[in-house]
Amino acid sequence: MAVAVAHGYLSACGVSVKLTQAGVTAFADELTRASSTAASVAAVLKTWDTTD
């Protein structure tokens, strides 16, 4: 669900991203880390490939 929300938010903001298995896995792994922060999640999202 978090991937869908992140993808939808980025799309609504005009950022087209291409989801990859590696990107989705990194995002899910980061969200489940106990020491995860907003900054660390944002850093993972910044690694997603943009299609612009």
Protein backbone atom coordinates (compact mmCIF):
# COMPACT_ATOMS: atom_id res chain seq x y z
CA MET A 1 0.00 0.00 0.00
CA ALA A 2 2.82 2.41 0.83
CA VAL A 3 4.29 1.96 -2.65
CA ALA A 4 0.94 2.83 -4.25
CA VAL A 5 0.60 5.94 -2.07
CA ALA A 6 4.16 7.10 -2.79
CA HIS A 7 3.74 6.48 -6.52
CA GLY A 8 0.36 8.25 -6.56
CA TYR A 9 1.71 11.25 -4.67
CA LEU A 10 4.70 11.62 -6.96
CA SER A 11 2.45 11.29 -10.01
CA ALA A 12 0.06 13.91 -8.66
CA CYS A 13 3.04 16.23 -8.19
CA GLY A 14 3.99 15.76 -11.83
CA VAL A 15 6.90 13.38 -11.23
CA SER A 16 6.61 10.29 -13.42
CA VAL A 17 8.47 7.33 -11.98
CA LYS A 18 9.17 3.87 -13.33
CA LEU A 19 8.75 1.32 -10.57
CA THR A 20 11.30 -1.46 -10.47
CA GLN A 21 11.47 -4.50 -8.24
CA ALA A 22 14.73 -3.24 -6.75
CA GLY A 23 13.25 0.18 -6.00
CA VAL A 24 10.11 -1.24 -4.43
CA THR A 25 12.14 -3.69 -2.33
CA ALA A 26 14.48 -0.94 -1.10
CA PHE A 27 11.47 1.21 -0.18
CA ALA A 28 9.76 -1.63 1.71
CA ASP A 29 12.99 -2.55 3.50
CA GLU A 30 13.52 1.05 4.57
CA LEU A 31 9.96 1.36 5.88
CA THR A 32 10.37 -1.75 8.04
CA ARG A 33 13.67 -0.69 9.63
CA ALA A 34 13.20 0.38 13.24
CA SER A 35 15.60 3.29 12.75
CA SER A 36 13.85 4.54 9.59
CA THR A 37 13.30 8.30 9.39
CA ALA A 38 11.48 10.58 6.98
CA ALA A 39 14.86 11.59 5.57
CA SER A 40 15.95 7.99 5.02
CA VAL A 41 12.66 7.14 3.30
CA ALA A 42 12.99 10.24 1.11
CA ALA A 43 16.52 9.19 0.18
CA VAL A 44 15.21 5.85 -1.06
CA LEU A 45 12.43 7.52 -3.03
CA LYS A 46 15.00 9.78 -4.70
CA THR A 47 16.63 6.67 -6.15
CA TRP A 48 13.47 5.72 -8.10
CA ASP A 49 13.92 6.19 -11.85
CA THR A 50 12.06 9.17 -13.24
CA THR A 51 10.66 8.89 -16.73
CA ASP A 52 10.96 12.60 -17.46
